[in-house]
């Protein structure tokens, strides 16, 4: 399992290769754009490490006209690179030490993307929220708590929170107030491996998705037994 993972980028050695013909300037631009919306949006345990690299190598064997500026070809390359890195980032979060659940937090309706990202990161990094997901507890209060200490200014009376998975979807908080929801249905939803926390802010057009995992007894055992 992966540990000491927290955006910045994390404990990671990532090597990507492509046959695309693309200039060094453009591939660097694409990588920086991609890292910020993939690896920098995950967290396993909130701890960063000194080992942190992401490298992309291109050999040009595809024979396409070299990409030297932004345009349709660059956007196609960027979309492919982003799709790959997001998938790898999700796999890293899902493979957290002792983890039983992949947690996806999708924030919409924030003032802007930066605000949405800060809030989503705060939620996936919250130890109490991670523990609630491990216990299949639809504890929306822990979600709002994490949003509150994120440092972002927002109106809690506009916030809606839903939990979702392959087993269905349930709203647990509307306009900042808890709802009388079906606890059995909520537990069934949160028992699935992939769990979503869907937050609507009601303040703007900003949105962002971040990924994390639950915290379990095994995480403590793995790191408690670890000896330097």
Protein backbone atom coordinates (compact mmCIF):
# COMPACT_ATOMS: atom_id res chain seq x y z
CA UNK A 1 0.00 0.00 0.00
CA UNK A 2 1.01 3.62 -0.47
CA UNK A 3 1.83 5.77 2.53
CA UNK A 4 3.22 9.26 3.22
CA UNK A 5 1.06 10.52 0.36
CA UNK A 6 -0.25 14.08 0.39
CA UNK A 7 -0.42 16.61 -2.44
CA UNK A 8 2.92 18.32 -3.01
CA UNK A 9 3.17 15.95 -4.95
CA UNK A 10 3.69 13.03 -2.54
CA UNK A 11 5.95 10.04 -2.04
CA UNK A 12 6.08 9.07 -5.67
CA UNK A 13 8.42 8.09 -8.48
CA UNK A 14 6.37 8.37 -11.66
CA UNK A 15 7.78 7.65 -15.13
CA UNK A 16 5.65 8.20 -18.25
CA UNK A 17 6.64 7.51 -21.84
CA UNK A 18 5.10 8.49 -25.18
CA UNK A 19 5.89 8.08 -28.88
CA UNK A 20 4.46 11.55 -29.57
CA UNK A 21 6.68 14.15 -31.25
CA UNK A 22 6.40 17.18 -28.99
CA UNK A 23 8.86 19.93 -28.05
CA UNK A 24 10.44 19.97 -24.60
CA UNK A 25 8.71 23.28 -23.81
CA UNK A 26 5.27 21.95 -24.70
CA UNK A 27 5.68 18.62 -22.92
CA UNK A 28 6.84 20.45 -19.77
CA UNK A 29 3.79 22.71 -19.96
CA UNK A 30 1.52 19.71 -20.41
CA UNK A 31 3.10 17.85 -17.49
CA UNK A 32 2.78 20.81 -15.12
CA UNK A 33 -0.87 21.30 -16.08
CA UNK A 34 -1.53 17.59 -15.61
CA UNK A 35 0.24 17.13 -12.26
CA UNK A 36 -1.79 19.95 -10.71
CA UNK A 37 -5.11 18.25 -11.53
CA UNK A 38 -4.08 14.66 -10.79
CA UNK A 39 -1.26 13.78 -8.38
CA UNK A 40 -1.61 17.10 -6.52
CA UNK A 41 -5.25 16.29 -5.79
CA UNK A 42 -4.80 13.09 -3.78
CA UNK A 43 -4.04 12.35 -0.14
CA UNK A 44 -3.61 9.10 1.77
CA UNK A 45 -2.54 10.23 5.22
CA UNK A 46 -1.60 13.91 5.09
CA UNK A 47 2.14 13.22 5.29
CA UNK A 48 4.54 14.33 2.59
CA UNK A 49 7.99 12.85 1.95
CA UNK A 50 11.31 13.86 0.43
CA UNK A 51 11.00 11.43 -2.49
CA UNK A 52 8.94 13.08 -5.17
CA UNK A 53 9.40 12.87 -8.95
CA UNK A 54 7.26 12.80 -12.08
CA UNK A 55 9.04 12.43 -15.43
CA UNK A 56 7.64 12.17 -18.95
CA UNK A 57 9.82 11.04 -21.87
CA UNK A 58 8.93 11.42 -25.57
CA UNK A 59 10.86 9.75 -28.41
CA UNK A 60 8.93 11.12 -31.42
CA UNK A 61 8.53 7.69 -33.03
CA UNK A 62 4.83 8.33 -33.73
CA UNK A 63 5.96 10.44 -36.67
CA UNK A 64 3.40 13.20 -36.16
CA UNK A 65 4.27 16.80 -36.88
CA UNK A 66 6.11 18.02 -33.79
CA UNK A 67 3.84 19.86 -31.38
CA UNK A 68 5.49 23.23 -30.80
CA UNK A 69 2.56 25.38 -29.68
CA UNK A 70 -0.88 25.14 -28.14
CA UNK A 71 -3.64 24.06 -30.50
CA UNK A 72 -5.82 21.02 -31.30
CA UNK A 73 -2.84 18.60 -31.32
CA UNK A 74 -1.55 19.90 -28.00
CA UNK A 75 -5.03 19.69 -26.46
CA UNK A 76 -5.37 16.07 -27.65
CA UNK A 77 -2.01 15.18 -26.10
CA UNK A 78 -2.89 17.03 -22.89
CA UNK A 79 -6.24 15.21 -22.61
CA UNK A 80 -4.54 11.82 -22.99
CA UNK A 81 -1.83 12.66 -20.45
CA UNK A 82 -4.39 13.99 -18.00
CA UNK A 83 -6.61 10.90 -18.36
CA UNK A 84 -3.65 8.62 -17.65
CA UNK A 85 -2.36 10.58 -14.66
CA UNK A 86 -5.80 10.92 -13.07
CA UNK A 87 -6.23 7.15 -13.33
CA UNK A 88 -2.80 6.58 -11.76
CA UNK A 89 -3.56 9.11 -9.01
CA UNK A 90 -6.84 7.35 -8.18
CA UNK A 91 -5.05 4.00 -8.03
CA UNK A 92 -2.52 5.45 -5.59
CA UNK A 93 -5.27 6.78 -3.34
CA UNK A 94 -7.17 3.50 -3.54
CA UNK A 95 -4.01 1.60 -2.61
CA UNK A 96 -3.43 3.56 0.60
CA UNK A 97 -1.92 1.57 3.45
CA UNK A 98 -4.67 -0.55 4.99
CA UNK A 99 -7.36 1.26 2.98
CA UNK A 100 -10.73 -0.35 2.31
CA UNK A 101 -12.32 2.50 0.33
CA UNK A 102 -11.44 4.95 -2.42
CA UNK A 103 -13.01 8.29 -1.52
CA UNK A 104 -13.86 10.77 -4.27
CA UNK A 105 -14.85 14.25 -3.14
CA UNK A 106 -16.46 16.34 -5.88
CA UNK A 107 -17.19 19.98 -5.05
CA UNK A 108 -19.39 22.08 -7.32
CA UNK A 109 -20.90 25.55 -7.08
CA UNK A 110 -17.85 27.09 -5.38
CA UNK A 111 -16.67 30.65 -6.05
CA UNK A 112 -13.89 29.37 -8.32
CA UNK A 113 -11.80 26.27 -9.01
CA UNK A 114 -9.14 27.18 -6.45
CA UNK A 115 -11.72 27.46 -3.69
CA UNK A 116 -13.35 24.18 -4.72
CA UNK A 117 -9.95 22.46 -4.70
CA UNK A 118 -9.06 23.73 -1.22
CA UNK A 119 -12.38 22.49 0.16
CA UNK A 120 -12.21 19.09 -1.56
CA UNK A 121 -8.63 18.56 -0.35
CA UNK A 122 -9.63 19.43 3.19
CA UNK A 123 -12.42 16.85 3.14
CA UNK A 124 -10.31 13.97 1.75
CA UNK A 125 -7.53 14.81 4.23
CA UNK A 126 -9.84 14.85 7.27
CA UNK A 127 -8.97 12.01 9.65
CA UNK A 128 -12.47 12.05 11.13
CA UNK A 129 -14.14 11.91 7.72
CA UNK A 130 -11.82 9.08 6.65
CA UNK A 131 -12.69 7.18 9.84
CA UNK A 132 -16.41 7.75 9.26
CA UNK A 133 -16.16 6.26 5.76
CA UNK A 134 -14.30 3.26 7.20
CA UNK A 135 -17.21 2.79 9.63
CA UNK A 136 -19.83 3.31 6.87
CA UNK A 137 -21.16 6.26 8.87
CA UNK A 138 -22.91 8.96 6.82
CA UNK A 139 -21.55 11.65 9.14
CA UNK A 140 -22.16 14.84 7.16
CA UNK A 141 -21.11 16.93 10.18
CA UNK A 142 -17.51 15.78 9.77
CA UNK A 143 -17.64 16.84 6.11
CA UNK A 144 -18.88 20.34 6.97
CA UNK A 145 -16.31 20.54 9.76
CA UNK A 146 -13.49 19.82 7.31
CA UNK A 147 -14.93 22.39 4.91
CA UNK A 148 -15.03 24.94 7.72
CA UNK A 149 -11.36 24.62 8.71
CA UNK A 150 -10.23 24.64 5.07
CA UNK A 151 -9.78 28.40 5.36
CA UNK A 152 -12.23 29.12 2.55
CA UNK A 153 -15.02 31.64 3.09
CA UNK A 154 -18.43 30.19 2.22
CA UNK A 155 -22.04 30.24 3.36
CA UNK A 156 -22.85 26.95 5.15
CA UNK A 157 -26.57 27.66 4.73
CA UNK A 158 -26.16 27.02 1.00
CA UNK A 159 -24.30 23.71 1.27
CA UNK A 160 -25.82 20.39 0.19
CA UNK A 161 -24.03 17.07 0.84
CA UNK A 162 -24.74 13.70 -0.76
CA UNK A 163 -23.06 10.31 -0.49
CA UNK A 164 -23.00 8.05 -3.53
CA UNK A 165 -21.62 4.72 -4.76
CA UNK A 166 -22.60 1.84 -7.03
CA UNK A 167 -25.30 1.07 -4.45
CA UNK A 168 -27.08 4.39 -4.97
CA UNK A 169 -27.08 7.98 -3.79
CA UNK A 170 -28.50 9.73 -0.72
CA UNK A 171 -28.73 13.37 0.34
CA UNK A 172 -27.79 13.81 4.01
CA UNK A 173 -27.52 17.59 4.30
CA UNK A 174 -29.53 20.32 2.57
CA UNK A 175 -28.88 24.04 2.96
CA UNK A 176 -26.53 23.31 5.84
CA UNK A 177 -29.07 21.27 7.79
CA UNK A 178 -29.17 17.54 8.40
CA UNK A 179 -31.96 15.51 6.81
CA UNK A 180 -33.94 12.60 8.20
CA UNK A 181 -32.38 10.08 5.82
CA UNK A 182 -32.55 6.27 5.67
CA UNK A 183 -29.59 5.09 7.78
CA UNK A 184 -29.71 1.54 6.38
CA UNK A 185 -29.62 2.83 2.81
CA UNK A 186 -26.75 5.18 3.66
CA UNK A 187 -24.75 2.35 5.23
CA UNK A 188 -25.29 0.18 2.15
CA UNK A 189 -23.99 3.00 -0.05
CA UNK A 190 -20.92 3.54 2.11
CA UNK A 191 -20.09 -0.18 2.26
CA UNK A 192 -19.03 -0.11 -1.41
CA UNK A 193 -15.31 0.17 -2.22
CA UNK A 194 -15.68 3.38 -4.26
CA UNK A 195 -17.47 6.08 -2.28
CA UNK A 196 -18.29 9.61 -3.42
CA UNK A 197 -18.83 12.69 -1.27
CA UNK A 198 -20.74 15.17 -3.43
CA UNK A 199 -20.80 18.76 -2.19
CA UNK A 200 -22.81 21.58 -3.73
CA UNK A 201 -21.79 25.05 -2.49
CA UNK A 202 -24.43 27.18 -4.22
CA UNK A 203 -22.07 30.13 -4.64
CA UNK A 204 -20.59 30.10 -8.14
CA UNK A 205 -19.29 28.05 -11.05
CA UNK A 206 -16.11 26.60 -9.49
CA UNK A 207 -15.69 22.84 -9.29
CA UNK A 208 -12.99 20.33 -8.42
CA UNK A 209 -12.57 16.63 -7.70
CA UNK A 210 -10.00 15.18 -5.29
CA UNK A 211 -9.31 11.62 -4.19
CA UNK A 212 -8.38 9.96 -0.91
CA UNK A 213 -9.01 6.82 1.12
CA UNK A 214 -10.35 5.78 4.50
CA UNK A 215 -8.18 5.20 7.55
CA UNK A 216 -8.32 1.77 9.16
CA UNK A 217 -6.90 -0.29 12.00
CA UNK A 218 -4.44 -1.72 9.51
CA UNK A 219 -2.94 1.70 8.81
CA UNK A 220 -2.05 2.06 12.50
CA UNK A 221 -0.70 -1.50 12.63
CA UNK A 222 1.46 -1.05 9.50
CA UNK A 223 2.98 2.20 10.73
CA UNK A 224 3.09 1.22 14.39
CA UNK A 225 5.07 -1.92 13.55
CA UNK A 226 7.41 -0.02 11.21
CA UNK A 227 10.97 0.33 12.51
CA UNK A 228 13.61 2.73 11.14
